[in-house]
């Protein structure tokens, strides 16, 4: 709801309450629709490995639709924009669930197309919906309560995600039918549409609509011309690509390399998610002490270690060894993302941040999505052709060897990022630069 004047204390309090309710319902919804469930759904439909690699890249390729959010915000405001795209996002998830029907009817190609298109729109509409979510949070909070609100919102969202994952795991213990997975996605989509009603109740001023209407090309030209920004863009591209190439393939290795059940795969996803929660709090002090550049590089090493563990893993499944890559991936991902956000907010002037963030999301996100899609799919098909008679686990180990070599080039690119001056590192609190991500 757009207010002509400044927001009153009561209106801000009501908006914060609605946002927190949204966090909770959205957390429950997201785990029913997130990448792990979609990947398990695709595996249950016997989709080939290269197809899973393409599917894993859709989270980032979807950023190509982010500019739609700016267009809708200019007309309808930030809250209504997010509500509209949240409804579209969850309707798109139903397209993924419909693949089970097409598969049953013998229309395999249509089923694969439904999964890919549904996943692309699911992540694309999410990107469009949250384009102005950070300024929206700024509208309903003050300097005194912003850090508290973000911390509570993060706890509520992550807590709801863990509750949802636990319930899904219990359901899959009873049956791992494709129809159960399809039903979980459908229920999650329904909760997501319901969550959007709380976003629509949030109050905001004309500032967001005014900001979205402002042309960004002049600001963008000034920003892109700076070497520090170009290196940030390259770093974001490398980080996103490393995530695309490692995490979906790790789920595949568990399922097809070791033959783990859906319930077991979800358990490892819970471990990864829990590691992300723990490390997200640890980055508050780490980024200020060692600087965001060193944090990013250290976290990137942990992603490289994911590959190394899988390369050296034994032929017989071992729970302790298999847990290590997911702990490293969970901690590494959140540390890289938070470190990059810290670096961005410390080095980019506030008046050009909207233009810069949109450009980074579209080029660094969608660019990484395309690269991960092509490279991941190519490598998975290549290892199958090189060793057609080899056990699946050996092929995945060969895949991770190739990914590790590729990530060495990414390490060189990240190391070129310029360190921030000490005084800039100490000036900003991590909670103030939005370490909460609305999933």
Protein backbone atom coordinates (compact mmCIF):
# COMPACT_ATOMS: atom_id res chain seq x y z
CA UNK A 1 0.00 0.00 0.00
CA UNK A 2 1.53 3.32 -1.13
CA UNK A 3 1.27 6.24 1.32
CA UNK A 4 1.58 9.84 0.09
CA UNK A 5 3.29 11.07 3.26
CA UNK A 6 6.01 9.57 5.43
CA UNK A 7 5.13 6.33 7.23
CA UNK A 8 3.97 6.59 10.81
CA UNK A 9 5.47 4.45 13.58
CA UNK A 10 2.27 2.36 13.64
CA UNK A 11 2.35 1.77 9.89
CA UNK A 12 6.00 0.71 10.06
CA UNK A 13 5.27 -1.68 12.93
CA UNK A 14 2.33 -3.25 11.04
CA UNK A 15 4.50 -3.62 7.95
CA UNK A 16 7.31 -5.28 9.88
CA UNK A 17 4.81 -7.73 11.38
CA UNK A 18 3.44 -8.62 7.94
CA UNK A 19 6.97 -9.04 6.60
CA UNK A 20 7.85 -11.47 9.42
CA UNK A 21 4.70 -13.52 8.75
CA UNK A 22 5.73 -13.59 5.10
CA UNK A 23 9.22 -14.81 6.09
CA UNK A 24 7.71 -17.72 8.00
CA UNK A 25 5.19 -18.89 5.39
CA UNK A 26 7.71 -18.35 2.60
CA UNK A 27 10.28 -20.45 4.47
CA UNK A 28 7.79 -23.32 4.70
CA UNK A 29 6.95 -22.90 1.02
CA UNK A 30 10.48 -22.59 -0.33
CA UNK A 31 11.72 -25.92 0.95
CA UNK A 32 8.84 -27.62 -0.90
CA UNK A 33 9.89 -25.95 -4.13
CA UNK A 34 13.63 -25.36 -3.75
CA UNK A 35 16.43 -26.74 -5.87
CA UNK A 36 16.88 -29.95 -3.86
CA UNK A 37 13.25 -31.07 -4.22
CA UNK A 38 13.19 -30.11 -7.91
CA UNK A 39 16.41 -32.07 -8.53
CA UNK A 40 15.02 -35.11 -6.67
CA UNK A 41 11.85 -34.78 -8.74
CA UNK A 42 13.89 -34.75 -11.96
CA UNK A 43 15.98 -37.74 -10.81
CA UNK A 44 12.77 -39.65 -10.02
CA UNK A 45 11.68 -38.99 -13.64
CA UNK A 46 15.01 -40.51 -14.80
CA UNK A 47 16.25 -37.27 -16.34
CA UNK A 48 19.83 -37.52 -17.67
CA UNK A 49 22.74 -36.00 -15.75
CA UNK A 50 23.32 -33.17 -18.22
CA UNK A 51 19.67 -32.19 -17.82
CA UNK A 52 20.15 -31.95 -14.03
CA UNK A 53 23.15 -29.68 -14.64
CA UNK A 54 21.00 -27.40 -16.79
CA UNK A 55 18.27 -27.46 -14.14
CA UNK A 56 20.78 -26.49 -11.43
CA UNK A 57 21.77 -23.39 -13.38
CA UNK A 58 18.24 -22.03 -13.67
CA UNK A 59 18.45 -20.29 -10.27
CA UNK A 60 21.01 -17.92 -11.78
CA UNK A 61 19.88 -17.88 -15.40
CA UNK A 62 16.52 -16.62 -14.10
CA UNK A 63 18.14 -13.30 -13.19
CA UNK A 64 17.67 -12.34 -16.80
CA UNK A 65 14.05 -11.50 -15.89
CA UNK A 66 15.09 -9.16 -13.05
CA UNK A 67 14.52 -5.92 -15.07
CA UNK A 68 10.82 -6.78 -15.18
CA UNK A 69 10.72 -6.03 -11.45
CA UNK A 70 11.97 -2.49 -12.00
CA UNK A 71 9.31 -1.91 -14.66
CA UNK A 72 6.47 -3.18 -12.45
CA UNK A 73 7.77 -1.29 -9.38
CA UNK A 74 7.71 1.96 -11.38
CA UNK A 75 3.97 1.43 -11.91
CA UNK A 76 2.77 -0.42 -8.82
CA UNK A 77 5.34 0.10 -6.06
CA UNK A 78 7.78 -2.30 -4.38
CA UNK A 79 5.34 -4.27 -2.20
CA UNK A 80 2.77 -4.87 -4.93
CA UNK A 81 5.55 -5.77 -7.37
CA UNK A 82 6.88 -8.48 -5.07
CA UNK A 83 3.37 -9.76 -4.41
CA UNK A 84 2.58 -10.02 -8.14
CA UNK A 85 5.78 -11.87 -8.98
CA UNK A 86 5.46 -14.14 -5.95
CA UNK A 87 2.09 -15.33 -7.24
CA UNK A 88 3.52 -15.87 -10.75
CA UNK A 89 6.54 -17.61 -9.27
CA UNK A 90 4.48 -20.16 -7.39
CA UNK A 91 2.13 -20.74 -10.30
CA UNK A 92 5.25 -21.56 -12.34
CA UNK A 93 6.12 -24.26 -9.80
CA UNK A 94 2.87 -26.01 -10.74
CA UNK A 95 4.27 -26.35 -14.26
CA UNK A 96 7.16 -28.35 -12.78
CA UNK A 97 4.73 -30.57 -10.86
CA UNK A 98 2.72 -31.20 -14.06
CA UNK A 99 5.73 -33.04 -15.53
CA UNK A 100 4.65 -36.15 -13.63
CA UNK A 101 1.41 -36.23 -15.61
CA UNK A 102 3.14 -35.76 -18.95
CA UNK A 103 5.59 -38.52 -18.07
CA UNK A 104 2.75 -40.89 -17.15
CA UNK A 105 1.11 -40.17 -20.52
CA UNK A 106 4.34 -41.10 -22.32
CA UNK A 107 5.13 -37.50 -23.31
CA UNK A 108 8.71 -37.50 -22.01
CA UNK A 109 9.96 -34.52 -24.04
CA UNK A 110 7.00 -32.44 -22.93
CA UNK A 111 7.70 -33.44 -19.31
CA UNK A 112 11.34 -32.32 -19.56
CA UNK A 113 10.30 -29.06 -21.19
CA UNK A 114 7.74 -28.45 -18.41
CA UNK A 115 10.42 -28.92 -15.73
CA UNK A 116 12.91 -26.58 -17.43
CA UNK A 117 10.39 -23.87 -18.29
CA UNK A 118 8.77 -24.06 -14.86
CA UNK A 119 12.13 -23.85 -13.06
CA UNK A 120 13.26 -20.92 -15.23
CA UNK A 121 10.07 -18.95 -14.57
CA UNK A 122 10.13 -19.91 -10.87
CA UNK A 123 13.57 -18.41 -10.35
CA UNK A 124 13.09 -15.63 -12.89
CA UNK A 125 9.94 -14.28 -11.25
CA UNK A 126 11.68 -14.51 -7.87
CA UNK A 127 14.50 -12.31 -9.19
CA UNK A 128 11.99 -9.81 -10.55
CA UNK A 129 10.05 -9.82 -7.29
CA UNK A 130 12.94 -9.05 -4.95
CA UNK A 131 14.59 -6.37 -7.08
CA UNK A 132 13.36 -3.64 -4.70
CA UNK A 133 13.01 -5.73 -1.53
CA UNK A 134 16.11 -4.20 0.06
CA UNK A 135 14.83 -0.61 -0.28
CA UNK A 136 11.42 -1.86 0.91
CA UNK A 137 12.97 -3.13 4.15
CA UNK A 138 14.67 0.24 4.49
CA UNK A 139 11.27 1.97 4.24
CA UNK A 140 9.72 0.08 7.17
CA UNK A 141 12.72 0.07 9.52
CA UNK A 142 14.76 2.72 11.33
CA UNK A 143 18.42 2.83 12.31
CA UNK A 144 17.44 1.70 15.81
CA UNK A 145 15.48 -1.44 14.83
CA UNK A 146 16.89 -2.43 11.43
CA UNK A 147 19.54 -4.82 12.70
CA UNK A 148 17.05 -6.46 15.10
CA UNK A 149 14.42 -6.85 12.38
CA UNK A 150 16.85 -8.44 9.94
CA UNK A 151 18.19 -10.83 12.57
CA UNK A 152 14.66 -11.90 13.64
CA UNK A 153 13.55 -12.22 10.02
CA UNK A 154 16.55 -14.39 9.20
CA UNK A 155 15.89 -16.64 12.19
CA UNK A 156 12.21 -17.02 11.33
CA UNK A 157 12.90 -17.82 7.68
CA UNK A 158 15.64 -20.35 8.37
CA UNK A 159 13.67 -21.93 11.20
CA UNK A 160 10.64 -22.37 8.93
CA UNK A 161 12.88 -23.90 6.25
CA UNK A 162 14.23 -26.48 8.69
CA UNK A 163 10.69 -27.32 9.89
CA UNK A 164 9.57 -27.80 6.30
CA UNK A 165 12.58 -29.97 5.44
CA UNK A 166 11.91 -32.13 8.49
CA UNK A 167 8.28 -32.67 7.51
CA UNK A 168 9.22 -33.48 3.90
CA UNK A 169 11.81 -36.00 5.11
CA UNK A 170 9.21 -37.74 7.29
CA UNK A 171 6.78 -37.93 4.37
CA UNK A 172 9.42 -39.39 2.05
CA UNK A 173 10.30 -42.00 4.65
CA UNK A 174 6.81 -43.41 4.10
CA UNK A 175 6.92 -43.28 0.31
CA UNK A 176 9.21 -41.81 -2.36
CA UNK A 177 6.60 -41.88 -5.10
CA UNK A 178 6.86 -39.30 -7.88
CA UNK A 179 3.28 -38.32 -7.02
CA UNK A 180 4.27 -37.52 -3.45
CA UNK A 181 7.04 -35.21 -4.71
CA UNK A 182 4.58 -33.64 -7.14
CA UNK A 183 2.13 -33.13 -4.26
CA UNK A 184 4.85 -31.53 -2.08
CA UNK A 185 5.63 -29.04 -4.87
CA UNK A 186 1.91 -28.27 -5.29
CA UNK A 187 1.40 -27.66 -1.55
CA UNK A 188 4.49 -25.44 -1.49
CA UNK A 189 3.13 -23.41 -4.40
CA UNK A 190 -0.16 -22.91 -2.54
CA UNK A 191 1.65 -21.66 0.58
CA UNK A 192 3.75 -19.33 -1.57
CA UNK A 193 0.66 -17.74 -3.12
CA UNK A 194 -0.82 -17.33 0.38
CA UNK A 195 2.42 -15.71 1.61
CA UNK A 196 2.14 -13.06 -1.11
CA UNK A 197 -1.01 -11.67 0.55
CA UNK A 198 1.10 -10.48 3.50
CA UNK A 199 3.57 -8.67 1.25
CA UNK A 200 0.67 -6.79 -0.34
CA UNK A 201 -0.27 -5.37 3.11
CA UNK A 202 3.11 -3.66 3.61
CA UNK A 203 3.08 0.14 3.60
CA UNK A 204 5.56 2.18 1.58
CA UNK A 205 6.06 5.75 0.39
CA UNK A 206 6.34 7.02 -3.17
CA UNK A 207 10.13 6.81 -2.89
CA UNK A 208 10.41 3.27 -4.28
CA UNK A 209 8.20 3.99 -7.27
CA UNK A 210 10.09 7.22 -7.90
CA UNK A 211 13.42 5.43 -7.66
CA UNK A 212 12.33 2.70 -10.07
CA UNK A 213 11.24 5.31 -12.64
CA UNK A 214 14.65 6.97 -12.66
CA UNK A 215 16.80 6.07 -15.71
CA UNK A 216 19.85 4.04 -14.73
CA UNK A 217 21.97 4.18 -17.91
CA UNK A 218 23.94 7.28 -16.94
CA UNK A 219 24.73 5.88 -13.50
CA UNK A 220 25.55 2.54 -15.06
CA UNK A 221 28.05 4.01 -17.53
CA UNK A 222 29.85 5.76 -14.70
CA UNK A 223 29.98 2.60 -12.59
CA UNK A 224 31.02 0.15 -15.32
CA UNK A 225 33.93 2.39 -16.22
CA UNK A 226 35.59 1.72 -12.86
CA UNK A 227 38.04 -1.19 -12.64
CA UNK A 228 36.96 -2.10 -9.09
CA UNK A 229 33.38 -2.62 -10.25
CA UNK A 230 34.43 -4.74 -13.23
CA UNK A 231 36.48 -6.96 -10.92
CA UNK A 232 33.45 -7.30 -8.62
CA UNK A 233 31.37 -8.34 -11.61
CA UNK A 234 33.95 -10.95 -12.57
CA UNK A 235 34.13 -12.22 -8.98
CA UNK A 236 30.35 -12.57 -8.76
CA UNK A 237 30.34 -14.48 -12.04
CA UNK A 238 33.02 -16.90 -10.78
CA UNK A 239 31.26 -17.42 -7.42
CA UNK A 240 27.90 -18.19 -9.02
CA UNK A 241 29.47 -20.56 -11.55
CA UNK A 242 31.30 -22.47 -8.80
CA UNK A 243 28.02 -23.01 -6.93
CA UNK A 244 26.24 -24.22 -10.09
CA UNK A 245 29.00 -26.71 -10.90
CA UNK A 246 29.36 -28.23 -7.42
CA UNK A 247 26.10 -28.37 -5.44
CA UNK A 248 23.64 -29.99 -7.91
CA UNK A 249 26.33 -32.51 -8.93
CA UNK A 250 26.86 -33.39 -5.26
CA UNK A 251 23.21 -34.38 -4.98
CA UNK A 252 23.57 -36.40 -8.18
CA UNK A 253 26.63 -38.22 -6.79
CA UNK A 254 24.69 -39.22 -3.69
CA UNK A 255 21.66 -40.40 -5.66
CA UNK A 256 23.28 -42.12 -8.64
CA UNK A 257 26.82 -42.67 -7.42
CA UNK A 258 25.97 -44.15 -4.03
CA UNK A 259 22.28 -44.97 -4.61
CA UNK A 260 21.10 -42.94 -1.62
CA UNK A 261 17.36 -42.55 -1.02
CA UNK A 262 15.48 -39.25 -1.39
CA UNK A 263 15.24 -39.02 2.39
CA UNK A 264 19.00 -39.41 2.71
CA UNK A 265 19.62 -36.73 0.06
CA UNK A 266 17.29 -34.34 1.91
CA UNK A 267 19.19 -34.98 5.12
CA UNK A 268 22.39 -33.81 3.47
CA UNK A 269 20.55 -30.74 2.19
CA UNK A 270 19.51 -30.00 5.77
CA UNK A 271 23.17 -30.24 6.82
CA UNK A 272 24.14 -27.82 4.05
CA UNK A 273 21.36 -25.46 5.03
CA UNK A 274 22.30 -25.63 8.70
CA UNK A 275 25.93 -24.87 7.84
CA UNK A 276 24.76 -21.82 5.90
CA UNK A 277 22.83 -20.56 8.94
CA UNK A 278 25.80 -21.02 11.29
CA UNK A 279 28.36 -19.49 8.95
CA UNK A 280 26.09 -16.57 8.06
CA UNK A 281 26.32 -15.41 11.67
CA UNK A 282 30.08 -16.06 11.76
CA UNK A 283 30.66 -13.80 8.76
CA UNK A 284 29.54 -10.76 10.77
CA UNK A 285 32.84 -10.60 12.61
CA UNK A 286 35.01 -12.37 10.02
CA UNK A 287 34.31 -9.90 7.23
CA UNK A 288 35.11 -6.93 9.47
CA UNK A 289 38.31 -8.51 10.81
CA UNK A 290 39.95 -9.99 7.73
CA UNK A 291 38.11 -8.00 5.05
CA UNK A 292 35.52 -9.19 2.50
CA UNK A 293 38.16 -9.99 -0.14
CA UNK A 294 39.98 -12.49 2.08
CA UNK A 295 36.66 -13.91 3.22
CA UNK A 296 35.61 -14.50 -0.40
CA UNK A 297 38.92 -16.15 -1.30
CA UNK A 298 38.85 -18.38 1.81
CA UNK A 299 35.26 -19.42 1.08
CA UNK A 300 36.18 -20.16 -2.54
CA UNK A 301 38.88 -22.52 -1.27
CA UNK A 302 36.16 -24.36 0.66
CA UNK A 303 34.19 -24.81 -2.58
CA UNK A 304 37.32 -26.20 -4.24
CA UNK A 305 37.65 -28.55 -1.28
CA UNK A 306 34.17 -29.90 -2.06
CA UNK A 307 35.57 -31.18 -5.37
CA UNK A 308 38.65 -32.59 -3.65
CA UNK A 309 36.64 -34.58 -1.10
CA UNK A 310 34.48 -36.14 -3.82
CA UNK A 311 37.56 -36.98 -5.90
CA UNK A 312 39.11 -38.85 -2.96
CA UNK A 313 35.91 -40.38 -1.51
CA UNK A 314 35.87 -44.19 -1.09
CA UNK A 315 33.81 -46.58 -3.21
CA UNK A 316 31.81 -47.57 -0.13
CA UNK A 317 29.45 -44.92 1.22
CA UNK A 318 30.59 -43.23 4.44
CA UNK A 319 28.30 -40.84 6.29
CA UNK A 320 31.11 -38.81 7.97
CA UNK A 321 32.99 -38.32 4.69
CA UNK A 322 29.84 -37.51 2.71
CA UNK A 323 28.85 -34.85 5.26
CA UNK A 324 32.07 -32.87 4.72
CA UNK A 325 31.29 -31.55 1.19
CA UNK A 326 27.85 -30.31 2.24
CA UNK A 327 29.21 -28.53 5.31
CA UNK A 328 31.90 -26.92 3.13
CA UNK A 329 29.36 -26.01 0.43
CA UNK A 330 26.89 -24.51 2.92
CA UNK A 331 29.51 -22.43 4.70
CA UNK A 332 31.39 -21.52 1.53
CA UNK A 333 28.31 -20.34 -0.34
CA UNK A 334 27.02 -18.02 2.37
CA UNK A 335 30.50 -16.64 3.13
CA UNK A 336 31.14 -15.86 -0.54
CA UNK A 337 27.76 -14.20 -0.97
CA UNK A 338 27.93 -12.17 2.24
CA UNK A 339 31.52 -11.17 1.57
CA UNK A 340 30.63 -9.99 -1.92
CA UNK A 341 27.64 -8.03 -0.57
CA UNK A 342 29.87 -6.40 2.04
CA UNK A 343 32.43 -5.47 -0.62
CA UNK A 344 29.70 -4.07 -2.88
CA UNK A 345 28.14 -1.84 -0.23
CA UNK A 346 31.53 -0.59 0.92
CA UNK A 347 32.87 0.27 -2.51
CA UNK A 348 29.85 1.43 -4.56
CA UNK A 349 28.36 4.88 -3.79
CA UNK A 350 24.77 4.76 -2.52
CA UNK A 351 23.46 6.87 -5.41
CA UNK A 352 24.55 4.26 -7.99
CA UNK A 353 23.78 1.07 -6.06
CA UNK A 354 20.40 0.36 -7.67
CA UNK A 355 21.85 0.52 -11.19
CA UNK A 356 24.96 -1.43 -10.19
CA UNK A 357 23.06 -4.17 -8.36
CA UNK A 358 20.69 -4.73 -11.28
CA UNK A 359 23.60 -4.92 -13.73
CA UNK A 360 25.54 -7.36 -11.52
CA UNK A 361 22.49 -9.58 -11.00
CA UNK A 362 21.61 -9.75 -14.70
CA UNK A 363 25.11 -10.14 -16.14
CA UNK A 364 26.85 -11.96 -13.28
CA UNK A 365 23.83 -14.10 -12.44
CA UNK A 366 22.42 -14.90 -15.87
CA UNK A 367 25.92 -15.10 -17.36
CA UNK A 368 26.95 -17.64 -14.75
CA UNK A 369 23.71 -19.53 -15.35
CA UNK A 370 24.46 -19.87 -19.07
CA UNK A 371 28.10 -20.81 -18.41
CA UNK A 372 27.19 -23.36 -15.74
CA UNK A 373 24.48 -24.79 -17.96
CA UNK A 374 26.82 -25.30 -20.90
CA UNK A 375 29.96 -26.30 -19.01
CA UNK A 376 28.24 -28.55 -16.46
CA UNK A 377 26.13 -30.27 -19.10
CA UNK A 378 29.14 -30.74 -21.38
CA UNK A 379 31.33 -32.23 -18.64
CA UNK A 380 28.66 -34.67 -17.46
CA UNK A 381 28.08 -35.89 -21.02
CA UNK A 382 31.84 -36.02 -21.64
CA UNK A 383 32.58 -38.26 -18.64
CA UNK A 384 29.85 -40.66 -19.74
CA UNK A 385 31.42 -40.95 -23.19
CA UNK A 386 34.98 -41.29 -21.89
CA UNK A 387 34.09 -44.06 -19.40
CA UNK A 388 30.78 -45.60 -20.57
CA UNK A 389 31.42 -48.87 -18.71
CA UNK A 390 32.80 -47.31 -15.52
CA UNK A 391 30.77 -47.24 -12.28
CA UNK A 392 28.76 -44.00 -11.90
CA UNK A 393 30.82 -42.93 -8.89
CA UNK A 394 34.05 -42.95 -10.93
CA UNK A 395 32.44 -40.80 -13.61
CA UNK A 396 31.34 -38.25 -11.02
CA UNK A 397 34.86 -38.22 -9.57
CA UNK A 398 36.20 -37.50 -13.06
CA UNK A 399 33.63 -34.71 -13.39
CA UNK A 400 34.74 -33.10 -10.12
CA UNK A 401 38.38 -33.37 -11.23
CA UNK A 402 37.55 -31.33 -14.34
CA UNK A 403 35.56 -28.82 -12.26
CA UNK A 404 38.46 -28.41 -9.82
CA UNK A 405 40.80 -27.59 -12.71
CA UNK A 406 38.32 -25.03 -14.02
CA UNK A 407 37.98 -23.50 -10.55
CA UNK A 408 41.74 -22.83 -10.45
CA UNK A 409 41.19 -20.27 -13.20
CA UNK A 410 38.40 -18.77 -11.11
CA UNK A 411 40.75 -18.48 -8.14
CA UNK A 412 43.09 -16.35 -10.25
CA UNK A 413 40.17 -14.09 -11.21
CA UNK A 414 38.99 -13.66 -7.59
CA UNK A 415 42.51 -12.90 -6.36
CA UNK A 416 42.57 -9.83 -8.61
CA UNK A 417 39.83 -8.21 -6.50
CA UNK A 418 41.28 -5.13 -4.83
CA UNK A 419 41.37 -5.20 -1.00
CA UNK A 420 39.34 -2.58 0.83
CA UNK A 421 41.04 -0.05 3.13
CA UNK A 422 40.96 -1.03 6.79
CA UNK A 423 38.76 1.92 7.77
CA UNK A 424 36.06 0.91 5.29
CA UNK A 425 35.96 -2.64 6.62
CA UNK A 426 35.37 -1.45 10.17
CA UNK A 427 32.65 1.06 9.37
CA UNK A 428 29.72 -1.17 8.38
CA UNK A 429 27.85 -3.80 10.41
CA UNK A 430 27.05 -6.94 8.45
CA UNK A 431 23.41 -6.88 9.50
CA UNK A 432 23.08 -3.42 7.99
CA UNK A 433 23.93 -4.60 4.51
CA UNK A 434 21.12 -7.07 4.32
CA UNK A 435 22.62 -10.43 5.00
CA UNK A 436 19.07 -11.77 4.97
CA UNK A 437 18.10 -13.25 1.59
CA UNK A 438 14.40 -13.59 0.83
CA UNK A 439 14.16 -16.97 -0.88
